[in-house]
Amino acid sequence: MALLSIGSTLTVWTMVGMEKIYKNFDGIYYVIVSKTWYDKELIGQGFEIPLPAEYYAAHFPFYPFLINLVSLAGLNHLQSMVIINLLVTALTSIVVFKIWKDNKWGNPWWAVVVWLFWWPRMWGVRSVGSPETLFILEIILSLYFFSKKKYWLSGVAGLLAALTKSPGILLLPAYGIWSIEAFIKTKKISWNIFPVILIAFGLLAVFGIFGLRMGDYLAYFHSGDNIHLQSFPFGIFNSKQAWVGTWWLDDVIWVYLIGAVGIWKAFSKDRVWGWFGMVYGLVLLFVAHRDVTRYALPVVPVVIMGLSELWDKKEVKILLTLAIIPLFFYTVNFLNYNVANIASLAPFL
């Protein structure tokens, strides 16, 4: 699994070229955070990207911390940025294989292959600088440990998720709903799950960093047009939204439909995973952003688990294997154009 993950990424790197890989969104923003740690003056002086310093509060600190840590080995920040994603994706492939095998959720090999390739944005996201794969690893580890009643490990994994991306906090309502359901069934309060409160402390730690470095504990909420949640669902179908800008949105319906079916079926396999899928899926309906497939990535493992019987069918395996060809061209095309307009990468090294 790890070799398949690394090999497919290196193939994309060869086709696209490392300069464009480095310039792909949003990795370049996390490098800026890693070099400035949210210092407004350093952000304004050192980089040519015309964005206000407050914008970077939308980019949480754990991935930049890892970039700095890996750079101690002698790599520059851009190299560290993509190496982390390369290695984390390989590790996540192994973790997915083990979890699916332990829980007997169908063929674990095909679960890994589906996760690596067949949610179209995944191949691209794991090939550039991005915290998404790291975030997914933390999410599935937290869910796995919670299901196994290892609540301290679940809480630590969830804490790291909250330090990586803001939706990590959605683990808490999922665990809360699970505990309410358990209380209804057993008439007993599950006090032993209390270590998952660490997830909330992860988010509070992020706000503390913003307060110390930016002078605003709530800087995330003042980061400009970065929080794409609307008051009502399906705002993505308003083409006048700043981050939508098109009425060609047929594919979004399929994202919703496939996701809903997978999440629904996940409940019959594991209630914890099902509740997280439900919470995250409902929040996703309120996201008004054209790149909804990327926003959906953390819930994709739940969908894959819910549809696990599908991946065992011979005809599905054949068709998914053939789909690698258009998925490869899609990924190469996307990464060739999803780049920041940067004249020189020298300040980012």
Protein backbone atom coordinates (compact mmCIF):
# COMPACT_ATOMS: atom_id res chain seq x y z
CA MET A 1 0.00 0.00 0.00
CA ALA A 2 2.76 2.41 0.98
CA LEU A 3 4.68 1.72 -2.25
CA LEU A 4 1.53 2.26 -4.32
CA SER A 5 0.92 5.55 -2.54
CA ILE A 6 4.49 6.82 -2.98
CA GLY A 7 4.84 5.54 -6.55
CA SER A 8 1.64 7.19 -7.76
CA THR A 9 2.69 10.50 -6.20
CA LEU A 10 6.17 10.39 -7.73
CA THR A 11 4.56 9.73 -11.13
CA VAL A 12 2.47 12.89 -10.78
CA TRP A 13 5.52 14.88 -9.64
CA THR A 14 7.39 13.78 -12.76
CA MET A 15 4.55 14.80 -15.06
CA VAL A 16 3.78 18.17 -13.46
CA GLY A 17 7.26 19.30 -12.34
CA MET A 18 8.26 20.23 -8.82
CA GLU A 19 8.00 24.00 -9.31
CA LYS A 20 4.26 23.73 -9.92
CA ILE A 21 3.90 21.16 -7.14
CA TYR A 22 5.47 23.65 -4.72
CA LYS A 23 3.26 26.49 -5.96
CA ASN A 24 -0.02 24.57 -5.65
CA PHE A 25 -2.58 25.87 -3.18
CA ASP A 26 -2.77 25.80 -0.19
CA GLY A 27 0.62 24.45 0.78
CA ILE A 28 2.40 27.71 0.11
CA TYR A 29 0.32 29.43 2.81
CA TYR A 30 1.35 26.84 5.40
CA VAL A 31 5.00 27.47 4.52
CA ILE A 32 4.46 31.17 5.21
CA VAL A 33 3.04 30.26 8.62
CA SER A 34 5.97 27.94 9.30
CA LYS A 35 8.45 30.75 8.57
CA THR A 36 6.62 33.55 10.42
CA TRP A 37 4.43 31.89 13.06
CA TYR A 38 1.64 34.38 12.41
CA ASP A 39 3.84 37.45 12.98
CA LYS A 40 2.04 40.15 10.99
CA GLU A 41 5.17 42.19 10.32
CA LEU A 42 7.13 39.22 9.00
CA ILE A 43 4.24 38.15 6.79
CA GLY A 44 3.94 41.63 5.28
CA GLN A 45 7.64 42.08 4.62
CA GLY A 46 8.79 38.68 3.45
CA PHE A 47 6.34 37.47 0.81
CA GLU A 48 4.86 38.78 -2.40
CA ILE A 49 1.41 37.21 -2.00
CA PRO A 50 -1.04 40.14 -1.67
CA LEU A 51 -3.08 38.85 1.26
CA PRO A 52 -3.68 40.46 4.66
CA ALA A 53 -1.85 38.89 7.59
CA GLU A 54 -5.19 37.97 9.19
CA TYR A 55 -5.80 35.54 6.32
CA TYR A 56 -3.25 33.11 7.72
CA ALA A 57 -5.25 32.50 10.87
CA ALA A 58 -7.33 30.13 8.71
CA HIS A 59 -4.25 27.89 8.41
CA PHE A 60 -3.79 25.98 11.65
CA PRO A 61 -0.36 25.41 13.23
CA PHE A 62 0.31 21.66 13.45
CA TYR A 63 1.23 21.16 9.78
CA PRO A 64 3.57 24.22 9.82
CA PHE A 65 5.11 22.85 13.02
CA LEU A 66 5.87 19.56 11.23
CA ILE A 67 7.32 21.47 8.26
CA ASN A 68 9.77 23.20 10.60
CA LEU A 69 10.54 19.92 12.36
CA VAL A 70 11.32 18.04 9.15
CA SER A 71 13.39 20.95 7.82
CA LEU A 72 15.81 20.32 10.71
CA ALA A 73 16.95 17.27 8.73
CA GLY A 74 18.45 19.60 6.11
CA LEU A 75 15.50 19.98 3.75
CA ASN A 76 14.15 23.39 2.81
CA HIS A 77 10.60 24.31 3.78
CA LEU A 78 9.09 23.50 0.39
CA GLN A 79 10.71 20.08 0.31
CA SER A 80 9.58 19.41 3.87
CA MET A 81 6.06 20.50 2.96
CA VAL A 82 5.64 17.80 0.29
CA ILE A 83 7.73 15.08 1.97
CA ILE A 84 5.43 15.21 4.98
CA ASN A 85 2.41 14.65 2.76
CA LEU A 86 4.17 11.84 0.88
CA LEU A 87 5.06 9.98 4.09
CA VAL A 88 1.78 10.66 5.88
CA THR A 89 -0.18 9.33 2.90
CA ALA A 90 1.88 6.15 2.94
CA LEU A 91 1.30 5.80 6.69
CA THR A 92 -2.44 6.44 6.31
CA SER A 93 -2.62 3.72 3.64
CA ILE A 94 -1.19 1.24 6.15
CA VAL A 95 -3.56 2.45 8.89
CA VAL A 96 -6.60 2.15 6.60
CA PHE A 97 -5.53 -1.39 5.68
CA LYS A 98 -5.18 -2.39 9.35
CA ILE A 99 -8.45 -0.80 10.48
CA TRP A 100 -10.45 -2.35 7.65
CA LYS A 101 -8.84 -5.73 8.25
CA ASP A 102 -9.41 -5.63 12.03
CA ASN A 103 -13.06 -4.65 11.60
CA LYS A 104 -13.67 -6.98 8.65
CA TRP A 105 -15.01 -4.14 6.51
CA GLY A 106 -14.55 -5.95 3.21
CA ASN A 107 -11.29 -6.28 1.31
CA PRO A 108 -8.78 -3.91 3.03
CA TRP A 109 -6.57 -3.74 -0.08
CA TRP A 110 -9.40 -2.33 -2.16
CA ALA A 111 -10.37 0.08 0.60
CA VAL A 112 -6.87 1.57 0.40
CA VAL A 113 -6.93 1.76 -3.40
CA VAL A 114 -10.35 3.42 -3.43
CA TRP A 115 -9.18 5.95 -0.83
CA LEU A 116 -5.96 6.75 -2.71
CA PHE A 117 -7.50 7.26 -6.13
CA TRP A 118 -11.26 7.31 -6.59
CA TRP A 119 -12.34 10.40 -4.81
CA PRO A 120 -11.07 12.67 -7.62
CA ARG A 121 -9.45 15.38 -5.47
CA MET A 122 -7.51 12.90 -3.32
CA TRP A 123 -4.71 12.07 -5.76
CA GLY A 124 -4.03 15.76 -6.28
CA VAL A 125 -4.27 16.76 -2.61
CA ARG A 126 -1.85 14.08 -1.45
CA SER A 127 0.68 15.06 -4.15
CA VAL A 128 1.18 18.69 -3.07
CA GLY A 129 1.66 20.67 0.13
CA SER A 130 -1.54 20.15 2.08
CA PRO A 131 -2.68 19.24 5.62
CA GLU A 132 -5.65 17.20 4.37
CA THR A 133 -4.03 13.76 4.48
CA LEU A 134 -2.57 14.46 7.92
CA PHE A 135 -6.00 15.56 9.08
CA ILE A 136 -7.65 12.42 7.68
CA LEU A 137 -5.10 10.23 9.49
CA GLU A 138 -5.84 11.97 12.80
CA ILE A 139 -9.60 11.70 12.26
CA ILE A 140 -9.63 7.98 11.47
CA LEU A 141 -7.25 7.20 14.33
CA SER A 142 -9.49 9.07 16.76
CA LEU A 143 -12.57 7.22 15.47
CA TYR A 144 -10.77 3.87 15.56
CA PHE A 145 -9.50 4.30 19.12
CA PHE A 146 -12.90 5.54 20.31
CA SER A 147 -14.58 2.47 18.81
CA LYS A 148 -12.04 0.30 20.64
CA LYS A 149 -12.74 2.16 23.93
CA LYS A 150 -9.21 3.57 24.01
CA TYR A 151 -10.46 7.03 24.88
CA TRP A 152 -7.16 8.67 25.83
CA LEU A 153 -5.65 7.72 22.46
CA SER A 154 -8.82 8.90 20.74
CA GLY A 155 -8.59 12.21 22.57
CA VAL A 156 -4.93 12.74 21.67
CA ALA A 157 -5.59 11.97 17.98
CA GLY A 158 -8.57 14.33 18.06
CA LEU A 159 -6.49 17.03 19.74
CA LEU A 160 -3.96 16.82 16.89
CA ALA A 161 -6.84 16.98 14.40
CA ALA A 162 -8.09 20.19 16.04
CA LEU A 163 -4.55 21.61 15.83
CA THR A 164 -4.45 20.75 12.12
CA LYS A 165 -7.80 21.95 10.78
CA SER A 166 -10.85 23.57 12.34
CA PRO A 167 -13.33 20.77 11.41
CA GLY A 168 -11.47 18.53 13.86
CA ILE A 169 -13.82 19.92 16.50
CA LEU A 170 -16.67 18.03 14.78
CA LEU A 171 -15.42 14.86 16.44
CA LEU A 172 -16.83 16.16 19.73
CA PRO A 173 -20.50 16.41 18.70
CA ALA A 174 -20.19 13.00 17.03
CA TYR A 175 -18.93 11.46 20.27
CA GLY A 176 -21.56 13.40 22.21
CA ILE A 177 -24.41 12.03 20.08
CA TRP A 178 -22.96 8.52 20.41
CA SER A 179 -22.92 8.88 24.21
CA ILE A 180 -26.54 10.10 24.23
CA GLU A 181 -27.53 7.11 22.13
CA ALA A 182 -25.63 4.80 24.51
CA PHE A 183 -27.41 6.40 27.50
CA ILE A 184 -30.82 5.84 25.90
CA LYS A 185 -29.96 2.16 25.40
CA THR A 186 -28.25 1.43 28.73
CA LYS A 187 -29.55 4.18 31.06
CA LYS A 188 -25.92 4.71 32.07
CA ILE A 189 -23.74 7.79 31.49
CA SER A 190 -20.48 6.96 29.69
CA TRP A 191 -18.19 8.96 31.98
CA ASN A 192 -15.16 7.00 30.77
CA ILE A 193 -15.14 8.86 27.44
CA PHE A 194 -14.11 12.11 29.19
CA PRO A 195 -10.55 12.13 27.65
CA VAL A 196 -12.04 13.21 24.31
CA ILE A 197 -12.41 16.68 25.86
CA LEU A 198 -8.77 17.03 24.79
CA ILE A 199 -10.18 17.85 21.33
CA ALA A 200 -11.62 21.09 22.67
CA PHE A 201 -8.28 21.92 24.33
CA GLY A 202 -6.63 21.53 20.91
CA LEU A 203 -8.84 24.25 19.47
CA LEU A 204 -8.30 26.46 22.53
CA ALA A 205 -4.54 26.03 22.08
CA VAL A 206 -4.84 27.31 18.51
CA PHE A 207 -6.76 30.36 19.71
CA GLY A 208 -4.09 30.90 22.37
CA ILE A 209 -1.37 30.91 19.70
CA PHE A 210 -3.35 33.47 17.71
CA GLY A 211 -3.74 35.63 20.79
CA LEU A 212 -0.02 35.56 21.55
CA ARG A 213 1.21 35.98 17.98
CA MET A 214 -1.51 38.10 16.36
CA GLY A 215 -3.01 39.90 19.33
CA ASP A 216 -6.43 38.43 18.60
CA TYR A 217 -7.58 35.20 20.23
CA LEU A 218 -10.47 35.00 17.75
CA ALA A 219 -8.31 35.73 14.69
CA TYR A 220 -9.68 32.64 12.94
CA PHE A 221 -13.11 34.25 12.80
CA HIS A 222 -11.56 37.49 11.53
CA SER A 223 -9.50 35.88 8.77
CA GLY A 224 -11.63 37.26 5.97
CA ASP A 225 -13.57 35.21 3.45
CA ASN A 226 -12.23 31.90 4.68
CA ILE A 227 -15.12 30.42 6.62
CA HIS A 228 -17.44 29.25 3.90
CA LEU A 229 -20.36 28.14 6.06
CA GLN A 230 -23.73 29.69 5.25
CA SER A 231 -26.82 30.10 7.42
CA PHE A 232 -28.83 27.81 5.16
CA PRO A 233 -27.90 24.57 3.35
CA PHE A 234 -27.17 24.31 -0.37
CA GLY A 235 -25.68 27.80 -0.63
CA ILE A 236 -23.23 26.34 -3.12
CA PHE A 237 -25.97 26.45 -5.73
CA ASN A 238 -25.94 30.25 -5.65
CA SER A 239 -23.45 31.08 -8.40
CA LYS A 240 -23.06 34.63 -7.02
CA GLN A 241 -21.24 33.30 -3.97
CA ALA A 242 -17.61 34.51 -4.04
CA TRP A 243 -16.13 31.01 -3.87
CA VAL A 244 -18.63 29.37 -6.24
CA GLY A 245 -18.74 31.58 -9.31
CA THR A 246 -20.34 29.05 -11.67
CA TRP A 247 -23.67 27.41 -12.32
CA TRP A 248 -22.06 24.21 -13.70
CA LEU A 249 -22.47 22.22 -10.52
CA ASP A 250 -23.93 18.88 -11.58
CA ASP A 251 -21.05 17.02 -9.91
CA VAL A 252 -21.94 18.46 -6.49
CA ILE A 253 -25.23 16.55 -6.56
CA TRP A 254 -23.27 13.32 -7.04
CA VAL A 255 -20.95 14.22 -4.16
CA TYR A 256 -23.96 14.69 -1.89
CA LEU A 257 -25.69 11.54 -3.13
CA ILE A 258 -22.72 9.17 -2.93
CA GLY A 259 -21.72 10.63 0.42
CA ALA A 260 -25.22 10.28 1.86
CA VAL A 261 -25.57 6.65 0.75
CA GLY A 262 -22.15 5.72 2.18
CA ILE A 263 -22.80 7.49 5.49
CA TRP A 264 -26.24 5.90 5.81
CA LYS A 265 -24.82 2.42 5.30
CA ALA A 266 -21.92 3.13 7.67
CA PHE A 267 -24.33 3.11 10.62
CA SER A 268 -24.92 -0.63 10.18
CA LYS A 269 -21.17 -1.28 10.57
CA ASP A 270 -20.05 1.14 13.31
CA ARG A 271 -22.20 3.71 15.11
CA VAL A 272 -19.23 5.94 16.05
CA TRP A 273 -18.06 6.25 12.44
CA GLY A 274 -21.65 6.67 11.30
CA TRP A 275 -22.33 9.55 13.69
CA PHE A 276 -19.16 11.36 12.66
CA GLY A 277 -20.14 10.90 9.01
CA MET A 278 -23.60 12.27 9.75
CA VAL A 279 -22.30 15.33 11.64
CA TYR A 280 -19.65 16.12 9.06
CA GLY A 281 -21.98 15.43 6.12
CA LEU A 282 -24.66 17.77 7.47
CA VAL A 283 -22.12 20.56 8.01
CA LEU A 284 -20.90 19.99 4.44
CA LEU A 285 -24.36 20.93 3.15
CA PHE A 286 -23.81 24.44 4.52
CA VAL A 287 -20.45 24.92 2.75
CA ALA A 288 -20.66 27.34 -0.19
CA HIS A 289 -17.43 26.62 -2.04
CA ARG A 290 -16.81 25.21 -5.51
CA ASP A 291 -14.11 22.90 -4.16
CA VAL A 292 -16.63 20.90 -2.13
CA THR A 293 -14.90 17.63 -3.07
CA ARG A 294 -11.83 18.76 -1.09
CA TYR A 295 -13.95 19.82 1.87
CA ALA A 296 -15.53 16.36 1.80
CA LEU A 297 -12.22 14.47 2.02
CA PRO A 298 -12.29 13.86 5.81
CA VAL A 299 -15.60 12.00 5.53
CA VAL A 300 -14.54 9.88 2.53
CA PRO A 301 -13.18 7.01 4.72
CA VAL A 302 -16.64 6.75 6.32
CA VAL A 303 -18.23 6.59 2.86
CA ILE A 304 -15.73 3.94 1.74
CA MET A 305 -16.50 1.91 4.86
CA GLY A 306 -20.24 2.21 4.32
CA LEU A 307 -19.96 1.01 0.72
CA SER A 308 -17.42 -1.73 1.51
CA GLU A 309 -19.47 -4.52 -0.11
CA LEU A 310 -19.39 -2.62 -3.40
CA TRP A 311 -15.62 -2.82 -3.71
CA ASP A 312 -15.73 -6.64 -3.60
CA LYS A 313 -17.74 -6.93 -6.80
CA LYS A 314 -15.72 -8.08 -9.81
CA GLU A 315 -17.32 -5.63 -12.25
CA VAL A 316 -16.70 -2.72 -9.88
CA LYS A 317 -13.03 -3.66 -9.52
CA ILE A 318 -12.62 -3.76 -13.31
CA LEU A 319 -14.33 -0.39 -13.83
CA LEU A 320 -12.45 1.29 -11.00
CA THR A 321 -9.16 0.01 -12.36
CA LEU A 322 -9.97 1.46 -15.79
CA ALA A 323 -10.94 4.74 -14.10
CA ILE A 324 -7.30 5.23 -13.08
CA ILE A 325 -6.60 6.56 -16.58
CA PRO A 326 -9.01 9.55 -16.55
CA LEU A 327 -8.25 10.15 -12.87
CA PHE A 328 -4.56 10.49 -13.70
CA PHE A 329 -5.26 13.01 -16.48
CA TYR A 330 -7.66 14.90 -14.20
CA THR A 331 -5.00 15.12 -11.48
CA VAL A 332 -2.21 16.25 -13.80
CA ASN A 333 -4.46 18.86 -15.41
CA PHE A 334 -5.64 20.17 -12.04
CA LEU A 335 -2.14 20.48 -10.57
CA ASN A 336 -0.85 22.25 -13.68
CA TYR A 337 -3.27 25.14 -13.12
CA ASN A 338 -4.07 25.26 -9.38
CA VAL A 339 -0.93 27.33 -8.73
CA ALA A 340 -0.15 30.59 -6.96
CA ASN A 341 1.14 33.47 -9.05
CA ILE A 342 4.60 33.63 -7.51
CA ALA A 343 7.61 34.94 -9.45
CA SER A 344 10.25 33.44 -7.16
CA LEU A 345 10.16 30.61 -4.64
CA ALA A 346 13.33 31.84 -2.91
CA PRO A 347 11.53 33.40 0.14
CA PHE A 348 9.77 30.09 0.77
CA LEU A 349 12.85 27.86 0.90
